[in-house]
Amino acid sequence: MEKPAVPQILIMFIIAADTGFGALIVVWTVARRLFDDRHRLRLDRLKTSAQ
């Protein structure tokens, strides 16, 4: 492997990891917002653009 390729691979790994962590944070946040303590889906917590 050539020397210049190493930083590029590292940067691509960091971008991929940040994307994965971002997706996990979004899923976790939405799950906490839409489900209550008894794991019931709370559709009343959704807001529509008309409200």
N, C-alpha and C. Protein backbone atom coordinates (compact mmCIF):
# COMPACT_ATOMS: atom_id res chain seq x y z
N MET A 1 0.85 -1.17 0.00
CA MET A 1 0.00 0.00 0.00
C MET A 1 0.89 1.23 0.00
N GLU A 2 0.54 2.18 -0.82
CA GLU A 2 1.34 3.40 -0.91
C GLU A 2 1.05 4.31 0.28
N LYS A 3 2.03 5.16 0.61
CA LYS A 3 1.89 6.07 1.74
C LYS A 3 0.69 7.01 1.63
N PRO A 4 0.44 7.66 0.48
CA PRO A 4 -0.68 8.59 0.42
C PRO A 4 -2.05 7.93 0.59
N ALA A 5 -2.15 6.63 0.37
CA ALA A 5 -3.45 5.97 0.46
C ALA A 5 -3.88 5.77 1.92
N VAL A 6 -2.93 5.72 2.83
CA VAL A 6 -3.26 5.46 4.23
C VAL A 6 -4.14 6.57 4.82
N PRO A 7 -3.80 7.84 4.69
CA PRO A 7 -4.69 8.88 5.23
C PRO A 7 -6.06 8.89 4.56
N GLN A 8 -6.11 8.58 3.27
CA GLN A 8 -7.39 8.55 2.57
C GLN A 8 -8.28 7.44 3.13
N ILE A 9 -7.70 6.29 3.38
CA ILE A 9 -8.47 5.18 3.96
C ILE A 9 -8.94 5.55 5.35
N LEU A 10 -8.09 6.18 6.14
CA LEU A 10 -8.47 6.60 7.48
C LEU A 10 -9.61 7.61 7.44
N ILE A 11 -9.53 8.57 6.54
CA ILE A 11 -10.59 9.57 6.42
C ILE A 11 -11.90 8.91 5.99
N MET A 12 -11.85 7.97 5.06
CA MET A 12 -13.06 7.27 4.64
C MET A 12 -13.66 6.46 5.80
N PHE A 13 -12.81 5.84 6.61
CA PHE A 13 -13.29 5.11 7.78
C PHE A 13 -13.97 6.05 8.77
N ILE A 14 -13.38 7.20 9.00
CA ILE A 14 -13.96 8.18 9.92
C ILE A 14 -15.31 8.67 9.40
N ILE A 15 -15.42 8.94 8.10
CA ILE A 15 -16.69 9.38 7.52
C ILE A 15 -17.75 8.28 7.67
N ALA A 16 -17.37 7.03 7.40
CA ALA A 16 -18.32 5.92 7.52
C ALA A 16 -18.77 5.74 8.97
N ALA A 17 -17.84 5.85 9.91
CA ALA A 17 -18.19 5.70 11.33
C ALA A 17 -19.11 6.84 11.78
N ASP A 18 -18.82 8.07 11.36
CA ASP A 18 -19.67 9.19 11.73
C ASP A 18 -21.07 9.04 11.15
N THR A 19 -21.18 8.53 9.94
CA THR A 19 -22.49 8.30 9.33
C THR A 19 -23.26 7.25 10.12
N GLY A 20 -22.60 6.18 10.52
CA GLY A 20 -23.25 5.13 11.30
C GLY A 20 -23.70 5.63 12.66
N PHE A 21 -22.84 6.38 13.34
CA PHE A 21 -23.23 6.92 14.65
C PHE A 21 -24.37 7.92 14.51
N GLY A 22 -24.35 8.72 13.47
CA GLY A 22 -25.43 9.67 13.24
C GLY A 22 -26.76 8.96 13.03
N ALA A 23 -26.74 7.88 12.26
CA ALA A 23 -27.97 7.11 12.03
C ALA A 23 -28.47 6.49 13.33
N LEU A 24 -27.56 5.97 14.15
CA LEU A 24 -27.97 5.39 15.43
C LEU A 24 -28.57 6.44 16.36
N ILE A 25 -28.00 7.61 16.38
CA ILE A 25 -28.53 8.68 17.23
C ILE A 25 -29.92 9.08 16.78
N VAL A 26 -30.14 9.17 15.46
CA VAL A 26 -31.46 9.53 14.95
C VAL A 26 -32.49 8.46 15.32
N VAL A 27 -32.15 7.19 15.12
CA VAL A 27 -33.08 6.10 15.45
C VAL A 27 -33.38 6.09 16.94
N TRP A 28 -32.39 6.27 17.77
CA TRP A 28 -32.58 6.28 19.22
C TRP A 28 -33.47 7.44 19.64
N THR A 29 -33.24 8.63 19.07
CA THR A 29 -34.03 9.80 19.41
C THR A 29 -35.49 9.63 18.99
N VAL A 30 -35.71 9.12 17.79
CA VAL A 30 -37.08 8.91 17.32
C VAL A 30 -37.77 7.85 18.15
N ALA A 31 -37.06 6.78 18.50
CA ALA A 31 -37.66 5.73 19.32
C ALA A 31 -38.05 6.25 20.69
N ARG A 32 -37.22 7.08 21.29
CA ARG A 32 -37.56 7.64 22.60
C ARG A 32 -38.75 8.58 22.50
N ARG A 33 -38.88 9.26 21.37
CA ARG A 33 -39.98 10.21 21.19
C ARG A 33 -41.31 9.50 20.92
N LEU A 34 -41.28 8.43 20.15
CA LEU A 34 -42.53 7.80 19.70
C LEU A 34 -43.01 6.65 20.57
N PHE A 35 -42.18 6.15 21.48
CA PHE A 35 -42.59 5.03 22.33
C PHE A 35 -42.55 5.46 23.79
N ASP A 36 -43.52 4.99 24.57
CA ASP A 36 -43.55 5.34 25.98
C ASP A 36 -42.80 4.27 26.79
N ASP A 37 -42.89 4.37 28.13
CA ASP A 37 -42.14 3.47 29.01
C ASP A 37 -42.60 2.01 28.90
N ARG A 38 -43.84 1.83 28.45
CA ARG A 38 -44.37 0.48 28.29
C ARG A 38 -44.22 -0.03 26.85
N HIS A 39 -43.40 0.66 26.06
CA HIS A 39 -43.08 0.28 24.68
C HIS A 39 -44.30 0.30 23.76
N ARG A 40 -45.20 1.22 24.03
CA ARG A 40 -46.36 1.39 23.17
C ARG A 40 -46.08 2.53 22.20
N LEU A 41 -46.49 2.34 20.95
CA LEU A 41 -46.33 3.37 19.93
C LEU A 41 -47.30 4.50 20.21
N ARG A 42 -46.78 5.72 20.34
CA ARG A 42 -47.58 6.89 20.67
C ARG A 42 -47.67 7.80 19.44
N LEU A 43 -48.63 7.50 18.58
CA LEU A 43 -48.81 8.30 17.37
C LEU A 43 -49.30 9.70 17.67
N ASP A 44 -49.90 9.90 18.86
CA ASP A 44 -50.35 11.24 19.22
C ASP A 44 -49.19 12.20 19.44
N ARG A 45 -47.99 11.68 19.60
CA ARG A 45 -46.81 12.52 19.78
C ARG A 45 -46.26 13.06 18.46
N LEU A 46 -46.76 12.54 17.36
CA LEU A 46 -46.36 13.06 16.05
C LEU A 46 -47.08 14.37 15.78
N LYS A 47 -46.38 15.29 15.17
CA LYS A 47 -47.00 16.55 14.79
C LYS A 47 -47.06 16.62 13.28
N THR A 48 -48.17 17.11 12.76
CA THR A 48 -48.28 17.30 11.32
C THR A 48 -47.95 18.74 10.98
N SER A 49 -47.70 19.00 9.73
CA SER A 49 -47.34 20.37 9.33
C SER A 49 -48.53 21.32 9.42
N ALA A 50 -49.76 20.78 9.45
CA ALA A 50 -50.95 21.63 9.55
C ALA A 50 -51.19 22.13 10.96
N GLN A 51 -50.59 21.52 11.96
CA GLN A 51 -50.81 21.93 13.35
C GLN A 51 -49.95 23.10 13.74
